[in-house]
Amino acid sequence: VLEGCRHNNVDHLVYASSSSVYGGNTRMPF
């Protein structure tokens, strides 16, 4: 997806990340 955007002048890539990235964090809110 990144390569397609890079080589074809895409204006903006919006992508799904996740709250899971906070992993072992305990300070709330994330």
mmCIF file of all heavy atoms, coordinates in Angstrom:
data_MODEL
# 
_entry.id   MODEL 
# 
loop_
_atom_site.group_PDB 
_atom_site.id 
_atom_site.type_symbol 
_atom_site.label_atom_id 
_atom_site.label_alt_id 
_atom_site.label_comp_id 
_atom_site.label_asym_id 
_atom_site.label_entity_id 
_atom_site.label_seq_id 
_atom_site.pdbx_PDB_ins_code 
_atom_site.Cartn_x 
_atom_site.Cartn_y 
_atom_site.Cartn_z 
_atom_site.occupancy 
_atom_site.B_iso_or_equiv 
_atom_site.pdbx_formal_charge 
_atom_site.auth_seq_id 
_atom_site.auth_comp_id 
_atom_site.auth_asym_id 
_atom_site.auth_atom_id 
_atom_site.pdbx_PDB_model_num 
ATOM 1   N N   . VAL A 1 1  ? 0.839  -1.205 0.000  1.00 0.00 ? 1  VAL A N   1 
ATOM 2   C CA  . VAL A 1 1  ? 0.000  0.000  0.000  1.00 0.00 ? 1  VAL A CA  1 
ATOM 3   C C   . VAL A 1 1  ? 0.874  1.257  0.000  1.00 0.00 ? 1  VAL A C   1 
ATOM 4   O O   . VAL A 1 1  ? 0.628  2.207  -0.759 1.00 0.00 ? 1  VAL A O   1 
ATOM 5   C CB  . VAL A 1 1  ? -0.947 -0.009 1.215  1.00 0.00 ? 1  VAL A CB  1 
ATOM 6   C CG1 . VAL A 1 1  ? -1.679 1.322  1.343  1.00 0.00 ? 1  VAL A CG1 1 
ATOM 7   C CG2 . VAL A 1 1  ? -1.954 -1.154 1.100  1.00 0.00 ? 1  VAL A CG2 1 
ATOM 8   N N   . LEU A 1 2  ? 1.877  1.279  0.857  1.00 0.00 ? 2  LEU A N   1 
ATOM 9   C CA  . LEU A 1 2  ? 2.791  2.430  0.897  1.00 0.00 ? 2  LEU A CA  1 
ATOM 10  C C   . LEU A 1 2  ? 3.455  2.654  -0.460 1.00 0.00 ? 2  LEU A C   1 
ATOM 11  O O   . LEU A 1 2  ? 3.553  3.799  -0.941 1.00 0.00 ? 2  LEU A O   1 
ATOM 12  C CB  . LEU A 1 2  ? 3.859  2.212  1.965  1.00 0.00 ? 2  LEU A CB  1 
ATOM 13  C CG  . LEU A 1 2  ? 3.423  2.354  3.423  1.00 0.00 ? 2  LEU A CG  1 
ATOM 14  C CD1 . LEU A 1 2  ? 4.519  1.844  4.343  1.00 0.00 ? 2  LEU A CD1 1 
ATOM 15  C CD2 . LEU A 1 2  ? 3.079  3.811  3.766  1.00 0.00 ? 2  LEU A CD2 1 
ATOM 16  N N   . GLU A 1 3  ? 3.927  1.592  -1.086 1.00 0.00 ? 3  GLU A N   1 
ATOM 17  C CA  . GLU A 1 3  ? 4.589  1.721  -2.378 1.00 0.00 ? 3  GLU A CA  1 
ATOM 18  C C   . GLU A 1 3  ? 3.610  2.225  -3.445 1.00 0.00 ? 3  GLU A C   1 
ATOM 19  O O   . GLU A 1 3  ? 3.966  3.058  -4.287 1.00 0.00 ? 3  GLU A O   1 
ATOM 20  C CB  . GLU A 1 3  ? 5.184  0.373  -2.793 1.00 0.00 ? 3  GLU A CB  1 
ATOM 21  C CG  . GLU A 1 3  ? 6.491  0.055  -2.100 1.00 0.00 ? 3  GLU A CG  1 
ATOM 22  C CD  . GLU A 1 3  ? 7.616  0.921  -2.636 1.00 0.00 ? 3  GLU A CD  1 
ATOM 23  O OE1 . GLU A 1 3  ? 8.134  0.637  -3.731 1.00 0.00 ? 3  GLU A OE1 1 
ATOM 24  O OE2 . GLU A 1 3  ? 7.977  1.915  -1.949 1.00 0.00 ? 3  GLU A OE2 1 
ATOM 25  N N   . GLY A 1 4  ? 2.377  1.719  -3.413 1.00 0.00 ? 4  GLY A N   1 
ATOM 26  C CA  . GLY A 1 4  ? 1.385  2.201  -4.362 1.00 0.00 ? 4  GLY A CA  1 
ATOM 27  C C   . GLY A 1 4  ? 1.119  3.682  -4.204 1.00 0.00 ? 4  GLY A C   1 
ATOM 28  O O   . GLY A 1 4  ? 1.029  4.428  -5.195 1.00 0.00 ? 4  GLY A O   1 
ATOM 29  N N   . CYS A 1 5  ? 1.013  4.138  -2.967 1.00 0.00 ? 5  CYS A N   1 
ATOM 30  C CA  . CYS A 1 5  ? 0.788  5.558  -2.708 1.00 0.00 ? 5  CYS A CA  1 
ATOM 31  C C   . CYS A 1 5  ? 1.989  6.390  -3.144 1.00 0.00 ? 5  CYS A C   1 
ATOM 32  O O   . CYS A 1 5  ? 1.848  7.449  -3.775 1.00 0.00 ? 5  CYS A O   1 
ATOM 33  C CB  . CYS A 1 5  ? 0.523  5.784  -1.221 1.00 0.00 ? 5  CYS A CB  1 
ATOM 34  S SG  . CYS A 1 5  ? -1.028 5.095  -0.610 1.00 0.00 ? 5  CYS A SG  1 
ATOM 35  N N   . ARG A 1 6  ? 3.165  5.906  -2.824 1.00 0.00 ? 6  ARG A N   1 
ATOM 36  C CA  . ARG A 1 6  ? 4.400  6.645  -3.141 1.00 0.00 ? 6  ARG A CA  1 
ATOM 37  C C   . ARG A 1 6  ? 4.568  6.862  -4.642 1.00 0.00 ? 6  ARG A C   1 
ATOM 38  O O   . ARG A 1 6  ? 4.904  7.963  -5.097 1.00 0.00 ? 6  ARG A O   1 
ATOM 39  C CB  . ARG A 1 6  ? 5.590  5.871  -2.586 1.00 0.00 ? 6  ARG A CB  1 
ATOM 40  C CG  . ARG A 1 6  ? 6.942  6.347  -3.096 1.00 0.00 ? 6  ARG A CG  1 
ATOM 41  C CD  . ARG A 1 6  ? 8.019  5.297  -2.859 1.00 0.00 ? 6  ARG A CD  1 
ATOM 42  N NE  . ARG A 1 6  ? 9.254  5.658  -3.532 1.00 0.00 ? 6  ARG A NE  1 
ATOM 43  C CZ  . ARG A 1 6  ? 10.285 4.857  -3.706 1.00 0.00 ? 6  ARG A CZ  1 
ATOM 44  N NH1 . ARG A 1 6  ? 10.217 3.611  -3.245 1.00 0.00 ? 6  ARG A NH1 1 
ATOM 45  N NH2 . ARG A 1 6  ? 11.377 5.256  -4.327 1.00 0.00 ? 6  ARG A NH2 1 
ATOM 46  N N   . HIS A 1 7  ? 4.334  5.822  -5.419 1.00 0.00 ? 7  HIS A N   1 
ATOM 47  C CA  . HIS A 1 7  ? 4.628  5.890  -6.849 1.00 0.00 ? 7  HIS A CA  1 
ATOM 48  C C   . HIS A 1 7  ? 3.489  6.480  -7.679 1.00 0.00 ? 7  HIS A C   1 
ATOM 49  O O   . HIS A 1 7  ? 3.660  6.675  -8.899 1.00 0.00 ? 7  HIS A O   1 
ATOM 50  C CB  . HIS A 1 7  ? 4.967  4.491  -7.374 1.00 0.00 ? 7  HIS A CB  1 
ATOM 51  C CG  . HIS A 1 7  ? 6.288  3.978  -6.906 1.00 0.00 ? 7  HIS A CG  1 
ATOM 52  N ND1 . HIS A 1 7  ? 7.490  4.543  -7.269 1.00 0.00 ? 7  HIS A ND1 1 
ATOM 53  C CD2 . HIS A 1 7  ? 6.592  2.942  -6.069 1.00 0.00 ? 7  HIS A CD2 1 
ATOM 54  C CE1 . HIS A 1 7  ? 8.486  3.876  -6.695 1.00 0.00 ? 7  HIS A CE1 1 
ATOM 55  N NE2 . HIS A 1 7  ? 7.971  2.907  -5.957 1.00 0.00 ? 7  HIS A NE2 1 
ATOM 56  N N   . ASN A 1 8  ? 2.365  6.771  -7.049 1.00 0.00 ? 8  ASN A N   1 
ATOM 57  C CA  . ASN A 1 8  ? 1.206  7.221  -7.831 1.00 0.00 ? 8  ASN A CA  1 
ATOM 58  C C   . ASN A 1 8  ? 0.576  8.493  -7.286 1.00 0.00 ? 8  ASN A C   1 
ATOM 59  O O   . ASN A 1 8  ? -0.600 8.765  -7.520 1.00 0.00 ? 8  ASN A O   1 
ATOM 60  C CB  . ASN A 1 8  ? 0.179  6.087  -7.917 1.00 0.00 ? 8  ASN A CB  1 
ATOM 61  C CG  . ASN A 1 8  ? 0.726  4.887  -8.685 1.00 0.00 ? 8  ASN A CG  1 
ATOM 62  O OD1 . ASN A 1 8  ? 0.722  4.875  -9.904 1.00 0.00 ? 8  ASN A OD1 1 
ATOM 63  N ND2 . ASN A 1 8  ? 1.208  3.888  -7.963 1.00 0.00 ? 8  ASN A ND2 1 
ATOM 64  N N   . ASN A 1 9  ? 1.346  9.274  -6.570 1.00 0.00 ? 9  ASN A N   1 
ATOM 65  C CA  . ASN A 1 9  ? 0.951  10.618 -6.157 1.00 0.00 ? 9  ASN A CA  1 
ATOM 66  C C   . ASN A 1 9  ? -0.365 10.663 -5.389 1.00 0.00 ? 9  ASN A C   1 
ATOM 67  O O   . ASN A 1 9  ? -1.201 11.557 -5.607 1.00 0.00 ? 9  ASN A O   1 
ATOM 68  C CB  . ASN A 1 9  ? 0.869  11.547 -7.386 1.00 0.00 ? 9  ASN A CB  1 
ATOM 69  C CG  . ASN A 1 9  ? 2.186  11.629 -8.140 1.00 0.00 ? 9  ASN A CG  1 
ATOM 70  O OD1 . ASN A 1 9  ? 3.233  11.848 -7.532 1.00 0.00 ? 9  ASN A OD1 1 
ATOM 71  N ND2 . ASN A 1 9  ? 2.136  11.432 -9.446 1.00 0.00 ? 9  ASN A ND2 1 
ATOM 72  N N   . VAL A 1 10 ? -0.548 9.706  -4.487 1.00 0.00 ? 10 VAL A N   1 
ATOM 73  C CA  . VAL A 1 10 ? -1.732 9.728  -3.623 1.00 0.00 ? 10 VAL A CA  1 
ATOM 74  C C   . VAL A 1 10 ? -1.609 10.904 -2.650 1.00 0.00 ? 10 VAL A C   1 
ATOM 75  O O   . VAL A 1 10 ? -0.554 11.105 -2.046 1.00 0.00 ? 10 VAL A O   1 
ATOM 76  C CB  . VAL A 1 10 ? -1.876 8.392  -2.881 1.00 0.00 ? 10 VAL A CB  1 
ATOM 77  C CG1 . VAL A 1 10 ? -2.937 8.469  -1.789 1.00 0.00 ? 10 VAL A CG1 1 
ATOM 78  C CG2 . VAL A 1 10 ? -2.219 7.283  -3.875 1.00 0.00 ? 10 VAL A CG2 1 
ATOM 79  N N   . ASP A 1 11 ? -2.694 11.665 -2.496 1.00 0.00 ? 11 ASP A N   1 
ATOM 80  C CA  . ASP A 1 11 ? -2.675 12.873 -1.659 1.00 0.00 ? 11 ASP A CA  1 
ATOM 81  C C   . ASP A 1 11 ? -2.560 12.560 -0.173 1.00 0.00 ? 11 ASP A C   1 
ATOM 82  O O   . ASP A 1 11 ? -1.998 13.343 0.595  1.00 0.00 ? 11 ASP A O   1 
ATOM 83  C CB  . ASP A 1 11 ? -3.954 13.693 -1.869 1.00 0.00 ? 11 ASP A CB  1 
ATOM 84  C CG  . ASP A 1 11 ? -4.066 14.253 -3.271 1.00 0.00 ? 11 ASP A CG  1 
ATOM 85  O OD1 . ASP A 1 11 ? -3.027 14.412 -3.932 1.00 0.00 ? 11 ASP A OD1 1 
ATOM 86  O OD2 . ASP A 1 11 ? -5.206 14.516 -3.697 1.00 0.00 ? 11 ASP A OD2 1 
ATOM 87  N N   . HIS A 1 12 ? -3.152 11.420 0.253  1.00 0.00 ? 12 HIS A N   1 
ATOM 88  C CA  . HIS A 1 12 ? -3.244 11.160 1.689  1.00 0.00 ? 12 HIS A CA  1 
ATOM 89  C C   . HIS A 1 12 ? -3.541 9.684  1.906  1.00 0.00 ? 12 HIS A C   1 
ATOM 90  O O   . HIS A 1 12 ? -4.470 9.131  1.298  1.00 0.00 ? 12 HIS A O   1 
ATOM 91  C CB  . HIS A 1 12 ? -4.364 12.014 2.310  1.00 0.00 ? 12 HIS A CB  1 
ATOM 92  C CG  . HIS A 1 12 ? -4.430 11.989 3.800  1.00 0.00 ? 12 HIS A CG  1 
ATOM 93  N ND1 . HIS A 1 12 ? -5.531 12.473 4.505  1.00 0.00 ? 12 HIS A ND1 1 
ATOM 94  C CD2 . HIS A 1 12 ? -3.555 11.549 4.744  1.00 0.00 ? 12 HIS A CD2 1 
ATOM 95  C CE1 . HIS A 1 12 ? -5.309 12.338 5.798  1.00 0.00 ? 12 HIS A CE1 1 
ATOM 96  N NE2 . HIS A 1 12 ? -4.118 11.772 5.973  1.00 0.00 ? 12 HIS A NE2 1 
ATOM 97  N N   . LEU A 1 13 ? -2.756 9.051  2.758  1.00 0.00 ? 13 LEU A N   1 
ATOM 98  C CA  . LEU A 1 13 ? -3.011 7.672  3.189  1.00 0.00 ? 13 LEU A CA  1 
ATOM 99  C C   . LEU A 1 13 ? -3.487 7.692  4.632  1.00 0.00 ? 13 LEU A C   1 
ATOM 100 O O   . LEU A 1 13 ? -2.765 8.152  5.525  1.00 0.00 ? 13 LEU A O   1 
ATOM 101 C CB  . LEU A 1 13 ? -1.739 6.830  3.077  1.00 0.00 ? 13 LEU A CB  1 
ATOM 102 C CG  . LEU A 1 13 ? -1.754 5.467  3.793  1.00 0.00 ? 13 LEU A CG  1 
ATOM 103 C CD1 . LEU A 1 13 ? -2.826 4.552  3.198  1.00 0.00 ? 13 LEU A CD1 1 
ATOM 104 C CD2 . LEU A 1 13 ? -0.378 4.803  3.737  1.00 0.00 ? 13 LEU A CD2 1 
ATOM 105 N N   . VAL A 1 14 ? -4.701 7.206  4.855  1.00 0.00 ? 14 VAL A N   1 
ATOM 106 C CA  . VAL A 1 14 ? -5.242 7.016  6.199  1.00 0.00 ? 14 VAL A CA  1 
ATOM 107 C C   . VAL A 1 14 ? -5.266 5.510  6.450  1.00 0.00 ? 14 VAL A C   1 
ATOM 108 O O   . VAL A 1 14 ? -5.757 4.755  5.605  1.00 0.00 ? 14 VAL A O   1 
ATOM 109 C CB  . VAL A 1 14 ? -6.667 7.590  6.320  1.00 0.00 ? 14 VAL A CB  1 
ATOM 110 C CG1 . VAL A 1 14 ? -7.249 7.329  7.705  1.00 0.00 ? 14 VAL A CG1 1 
ATOM 111 C CG2 . VAL A 1 14 ? -6.659 9.091  6.020  1.00 0.00 ? 14 VAL A CG2 1 
ATOM 112 N N   . TYR A 1 15 ? -4.727 5.065  7.578  1.00 0.00 ? 15 TYR A N   1 
ATOM 113 C CA  . TYR A 1 15 ? -4.618 3.632  7.816  1.00 0.00 ? 15 TYR A CA  1 
ATOM 114 C C   . TYR A 1 15 ? -5.025 3.291  9.247  1.00 0.00 ? 15 TYR A C   1 
ATOM 115 O O   . TYR A 1 15 ? -4.929 4.116  10.159 1.00 0.00 ? 15 TYR A O   1 
ATOM 116 C CB  . TYR A 1 15 ? -3.197 3.137  7.540  1.00 0.00 ? 15 TYR A CB  1 
ATOM 117 C CG  . TYR A 1 15 ? -2.147 3.743  8.431  1.00 0.00 ? 15 TYR A CG  1 
ATOM 118 C CD1 . TYR A 1 15 ? -1.728 3.105  9.600  1.00 0.00 ? 15 TYR A CD1 1 
ATOM 119 C CD2 . TYR A 1 15 ? -1.570 4.975  8.125  1.00 0.00 ? 15 TYR A CD2 1 
ATOM 120 C CE1 . TYR A 1 15 ? -0.778 3.670  10.433 1.00 0.00 ? 15 TYR A CE1 1 
ATOM 121 C CE2 . TYR A 1 15 ? -0.609 5.557  8.950  1.00 0.00 ? 15 TYR A CE2 1 
ATOM 122 C CZ  . TYR A 1 15 ? -0.222 4.894  10.102 1.00 0.00 ? 15 TYR A CZ  1 
ATOM 123 O OH  . TYR A 1 15 ? 0.710  5.470  10.928 1.00 0.00 ? 15 TYR A OH  1 
ATOM 124 N N   . ALA A 1 16 ? -5.483 2.057  9.411  1.00 0.00 ? 16 ALA A N   1 
ATOM 125 C CA  . ALA A 1 16 ? -5.933 1.583  10.717 1.00 0.00 ? 16 ALA A CA  1 
ATOM 126 C C   . ALA A 1 16 ? -4.745 1.121  11.540 1.00 0.00 ? 16 ALA A C   1 
ATOM 127 O O   . ALA A 1 16 ? -4.008 0.220  11.140 1.00 0.00 ? 16 ALA A O   1 
ATOM 128 C CB  . ALA A 1 16 ? -6.924 0.438  10.545 1.00 0.00 ? 16 ALA A CB  1 
ATOM 129 N N   . SER A 1 17 ? -4.580 1.733  12.707 1.00 0.00 ? 17 SER A N   1 
ATOM 130 C CA  . SER A 1 17 ? -3.703 1.194  13.733 1.00 0.00 ? 17 SER A CA  1 
ATOM 131 C C   . SER A 1 17 ? -4.620 0.594  14.795 1.00 0.00 ? 17 SER A C   1 
ATOM 132 O O   . SER A 1 17 ? -5.743 0.189  14.491 1.00 0.00 ? 17 SER A O   1 
ATOM 133 C CB  . SER A 1 17 ? -2.784 2.275  14.293 1.00 0.00 ? 17 SER A CB  1 
ATOM 134 O OG  . SER A 1 17 ? -1.854 1.711  15.205 1.00 0.00 ? 17 SER A OG  1 
ATOM 135 N N   . SER A 1 18 ? -4.197 0.538  16.032 1.00 0.00 ? 18 SER A N   1 
ATOM 136 C CA  . SER A 1 18 ? -5.000 -0.126 17.054 1.00 0.00 ? 18 SER A CA  1 
ATOM 137 C C   . SER A 1 18 ? -4.610 0.349  18.444 1.00 0.00 ? 18 SER A C   1 
ATOM 138 O O   . SER A 1 18 ? -3.437 0.680  18.695 1.00 0.00 ? 18 SER A O   1 
ATOM 139 C CB  . SER A 1 18 ? -4.800 -1.643 16.959 1.00 0.00 ? 18 SER A CB  1 
ATOM 140 O OG  . SER A 1 18 ? -5.342 -2.313 18.075 1.00 0.00 ? 18 SER A OG  1 
ATOM 141 N N   . SER A 1 19 ? -5.582 0.338  19.343 1.00 0.00 ? 19 SER A N   1 
ATOM 142 C CA  . SER A 1 19 ? -5.281 0.613  20.753 1.00 0.00 ? 19 SER A CA  1 
ATOM 143 C C   . SER A 1 19 ? -4.344 -0.433 21.336 1.00 0.00 ? 19 SER A C   1 
ATOM 144 O O   . SER A 1 19 ? -3.704 -0.191 22.374 1.00 0.00 ? 19 SER A O   1 
ATOM 145 C CB  . SER A 1 19 ? -6.576 0.667  21.572 1.00 0.00 ? 19 SER A CB  1 
ATOM 146 O OG  . SER A 1 19 ? -7.243 -0.593 21.545 1.00 0.00 ? 19 SER A OG  1 
ATOM 147 N N   . SER A 1 20 ? -4.217 -1.576 20.667 1.00 0.00 ? 20 SER A N   1 
ATOM 148 C CA  . SER A 1 20 ? -3.321 -2.630 21.148 1.00 0.00 ? 20 SER A CA  1 
ATOM 149 C C   . SER A 1 20 ? -1.871 -2.173 21.213 1.00 0.00 ? 20 SER A C   1 
ATOM 150 O O   . SER A 1 20 ? -1.070 -2.781 21.933 1.00 0.00 ? 20 SER A O   1 
ATOM 151 C CB  . SER A 1 20 ? -3.422 -3.862 20.254 1.00 0.00 ? 20 SER A CB  1 
ATOM 152 O OG  . SER A 1 20 ? -4.714 -4.422 20.295 1.00 0.00 ? 20 SER A OG  1 
ATOM 153 N N   . VAL A 1 21 ? -1.521 -1.121 20.480 1.00 0.00 ? 21 VAL A N   1 
ATOM 154 C CA  . VAL A 1 21 ? -0.122 -0.677 20.493 1.00 0.00 ? 21 VAL A CA  1 
ATOM 155 C C   . VAL A 1 21 ? 0.302  -0.201 21.887 1.00 0.00 ? 21 VAL A C   1 
ATOM 156 O O   . VAL A 1 21 ? 1.496  -0.181 22.199 1.00 0.00 ? 21 VAL A O   1 
ATOM 157 C CB  . VAL A 1 21 ? 0.146  0.438  19.465 1.00 0.00 ? 21 VAL A CB  1 
ATOM 158 C CG1 . VAL A 1 21 ? -0.174 -0.036 18.055 1.00 0.00 ? 21 VAL A CG1 1 
ATOM 159 C CG2 . VAL A 1 21 ? -0.591 1.725  19.802 1.00 0.00 ? 21 VAL A CG2 1 
ATOM 160 N N   . TYR A 1 22 ? -0.660 0.166  22.737 1.00 0.00 ? 22 TYR A N   1 
ATOM 161 C CA  . TYR A 1 22 ? -0.309 0.652  24.073 1.00 0.00 ? 22 TYR A CA  1 
ATOM 162 C C   . TYR A 1 22 ? 0.193  -0.476 24.972 1.00 0.00 ? 22 TYR A C   1 
ATOM 163 O O   . TYR A 1 22 ? 0.825  -0.218 26.001 1.00 0.00 ? 22 TYR A O   1 
ATOM 164 C CB  . TYR A 1 22 ? -1.500 1.377  24.707 1.00 0.00 ? 22 TYR A CB  1 
ATOM 165 C CG  . TYR A 1 22 ? -1.773 2.704  24.032 1.00 0.00 ? 22 TYR A CG  1 
ATOM 166 C CD1 . TYR A 1 22 ? -2.828 2.852  23.136 1.00 0.00 ? 22 TYR A CD1 1 
ATOM 167 C CD2 . TYR A 1 22 ? -0.971 3.804  24.274 1.00 0.00 ? 22 TYR A CD2 1 
ATOM 168 C CE1 . TYR A 1 22 ? -3.075 4.057  22.496 1.00 0.00 ? 22 TYR A CE1 1 
ATOM 169 C CE2 . TYR A 1 22 ? -1.203 5.013  23.641 1.00 0.00 ? 22 TYR A CE2 1 
ATOM 170 C CZ  . TYR A 1 22 ? -2.259 5.135  22.743 1.00 0.00 ? 22 TYR A CZ  1 
ATOM 171 O OH  . TYR A 1 22 ? -2.487 6.326  22.107 1.00 0.00 ? 22 TYR A OH  1 
ATOM 172 N N   . GLY A 1 23 ? -0.094 -1.720 24.602 1.00 0.00 ? 23 GLY A N   1 
ATOM 173 C CA  . GLY A 1 23 ? 0.517  -2.876 25.241 1.00 0.00 ? 23 GLY A CA  1 
ATOM 174 C C   . GLY A 1 23 ? 0.493  -2.854 26.747 1.00 0.00 ? 23 GLY A C   1 
ATOM 175 O O   . GLY A 1 23 ? -0.566 -2.795 27.378 1.00 0.00 ? 23 GLY A O   1 
ATOM 176 N N   . GLY A 1 24 ? 1.677  -2.889 27.335 1.00 0.00 ? 24 GLY A N   1 
ATOM 177 C CA  . GLY A 1 24 ? 1.798  -2.975 28.783 1.00 0.00 ? 24 GLY A CA  1 
ATOM 178 C C   . GLY A 1 24 ? 1.642  -1.664 29.519 1.00 0.00 ? 24 GLY A C   1 
ATOM 179 O O   . GLY A 1 24 ? 1.829  -1.620 30.743 1.00 0.00 ? 24 GLY A O   1 
ATOM 180 N N   . ASN A 1 25 ? 1.300  -0.579 28.810 1.00 0.00 ? 25 ASN A N   1 
ATOM 181 C CA  . ASN A 1 25 ? 1.110  0.716  29.480 1.00 0.00 ? 25 ASN A CA  1 
ATOM 182 C C   . ASN A 1 25 ? 0.002  0.629  30.525 1.00 0.00 ? 25 ASN A C   1 
ATOM 183 O O   . ASN A 1 25 ? -1.030 -0.005 30.309 1.00 0.00 ? 25 ASN A O   1 
ATOM 184 C CB  . ASN A 1 25 ? 0.744  1.807  28.474 1.00 0.00 ? 25 ASN A CB  1 
ATOM 185 C CG  . ASN A 1 25 ? 1.899  2.183  27.558 1.00 0.00 ? 25 ASN A CG  1 
ATOM 186 O OD1 . ASN A 1 25 ? 2.872  1.444  27.451 1.00 0.00 ? 25 ASN A OD1 1 
ATOM 187 N ND2 . ASN A 1 25 ? 1.782  3.310  26.887 1.00 0.00 ? 25 ASN A ND2 1 
ATOM 188 N N   . THR A 1 26 ? 0.199  1.298  31.639 1.00 0.00 ? 26 THR A N   1 
ATOM 189 C CA  . THR A 1 26 ? -0.821 1.310  32.696 1.00 0.00 ? 26 THR A CA  1 
ATOM 190 C C   . THR A 1 26 ? -1.333 2.711  33.008 1.00 0.00 ? 26 THR A C   1 
ATOM 191 O O   . THR A 1 26 ? -2.345 2.847  33.693 1.00 0.00 ? 26 THR A O   1 
ATOM 192 C CB  . THR A 1 26 ? -0.267 0.693  33.997 1.00 0.00 ? 26 THR A CB  1 
ATOM 193 O OG1 . THR A 1 26 ? 0.902  1.410  34.401 1.00 0.00 ? 26 THR A OG1 1 
ATOM 194 C CG2 . THR A 1 26 ? 0.080  -0.779 33.784 1.00 0.00 ? 26 THR A CG2 1 
ATOM 195 N N   . ARG A 1 27 ? -0.676 3.744  32.506 1.00 0.00 ? 27 ARG A N   1 
ATOM 196 C CA  . ARG A 1 27 ? -1.166 5.104  32.745 1.00 0.00 ? 27 ARG A CA  1 
ATOM 197 C C   . ARG A 1 27 ? -2.386 5.358  31.872 1.00 0.00 ? 27 ARG A C   1 
ATOM 198 O O   . ARG A 1 27 ? -2.348 5.153  30.661 1.00 0.00 ? 27 ARG A O   1 
ATOM 199 C CB  . ARG A 1 27 ? -0.071 6.133  32.430 1.00 0.00 ? 27 ARG A CB  1 
ATOM 200 C CG  . ARG A 1 27 ? -0.504 7.564  32.743 1.00 0.00 ? 27 ARG A CG  1 
ATOM 201 C CD  . ARG A 1 27 ? 0.639  8.535  32.601 1.00 0.00 ? 27 ARG A CD  1 
ATOM 202 N NE  . ARG A 1 27 ? 1.122  8.638  31.224 1.00 0.00 ? 27 ARG A NE  1 
ATOM 203 C CZ  . ARG A 1 27 ? 2.112  9.425  30.868 1.00 0.00 ? 27 ARG A CZ  1 
ATOM 204 N NH1 . ARG A 1 27 ? 2.757  10.144 31.772 1.00 0.00 ? 27 ARG A NH1 1 
ATOM 205 N NH2 . ARG A 1 27 ? 2.496  9.470  29.600 1.00 0.00 ? 27 ARG A NH2 1 
ATOM 206 N N   . MET A 1 28 ? -3.464 5.804  32.498 1.00 0.00 ? 28 MET A N   1 
ATOM 207 C CA  . MET A 1 28 ? -4.725 6.057  31.789 1.00 0.00 ? 28 MET A CA  1 
ATOM 208 C C   . MET A 1 28 ? -5.080 7.544  31.884 1.00 0.00 ? 28 MET A C   1 
ATOM 209 O O   . MET A 1 28 ? -4.796 8.181  32.881 1.00 0.00 ? 28 MET A O   1 
ATOM 210 C CB  . MET A 1 28 ? -5.855 5.225  32.411 1.00 0.00 ? 28 MET A CB  1 
ATOM 211 C CG  . MET A 1 28 ? -5.622 3.721  32.369 1.00 0.00 ? 28 MET A CG  1 
ATOM 212 S SD  . MET A 1 28 ? -5.898 3.061  30.722 1.00 0.00 ? 28 MET A SD  1 
ATOM 213 C CE  . MET A 1 28 ? -5.433 1.342  30.984 1.00 0.00 ? 28 MET A CE  1 
ATOM 214 N N   . PRO A 1 29 ? -5.782 8.086  30.883 1.00 0.00 ? 29 PRO A N   1 
ATOM 215 C CA  . PRO A 1 29 ? -6.100 7.443  29.607 1.00 0.00 ? 29 PRO A CA  1 
ATOM 216 C C   . PRO A 1 29 ? -4.869 7.342  28.705 1.00 0.00 ? 29 PRO A C   1 
ATOM 217 O O   . PRO A 1 29 ? -3.901 8.073  28.886 1.00 0.00 ? 29 PRO A O   1 
ATOM 218 C CB  . PRO A 1 29 ? -7.155 8.368  29.002 1.00 0.00 ? 29 PRO A CB  1 
ATOM 219 C CG  . PRO A 1 29 ? -6.812 9.726  29.553 1.00 0.00 ? 29 PRO A CG  1 
ATOM 220 C CD  . PRO A 1 29 ? -6.311 9.475  30.949 1.00 0.00 ? 29 PRO A CD  1 
ATOM 221 N N   . PHE A 1 30 ? -4.943 6.440  27.722 1.00 0.00 ? 30 PHE A N   1 
ATOM 222 C CA  . PHE A 1 30 ? -3.862 6.311  26.754 1.00 0.00 ? 30 PHE A CA  1 
ATOM 223 C C   . PHE A 1 30 ? -3.837 7.554  25.868 1.00 0.00 ? 30 PHE A C   1 
ATOM 224 O O   . PHE A 1 30 ? -4.858 7.935  25.288 1.00 0.00 ? 30 PHE A O   1 
ATOM 225 C CB  . PHE A 1 30 ? -4.069 5.087  25.864 1.00 0.00 ? 30 PHE A CB  1 
ATOM 226 C CG  . PHE A 1 30 ? -3.985 3.768  26.587 1.00 0.00 ? 30 PHE A CG  1 
ATOM 227 C CD1 . PHE A 1 30 ? -4.700 2.675  26.122 1.00 0.00 ? 30 PHE A CD1 1 
ATOM 228 C CD2 . PHE A 1 30 ? -3.171 3.598  27.696 1.00 0.00 ? 30 PHE A CD2 1 
ATOM 229 C CE1 . PHE A 1 30 ? -4.618 1.445  26.754 1.00 0.00 ? 30 PHE A CE1 1 
ATOM 230 C CE2 . PHE A 1 30 ? -3.083 2.368  28.344 1.00 0.00 ? 30 PHE A CE2 1 
ATOM 231 C CZ  . PHE A 1 30 ? -3.809 1.287  27.874 1.00 0.00 ? 30 PHE A CZ  1 
# 
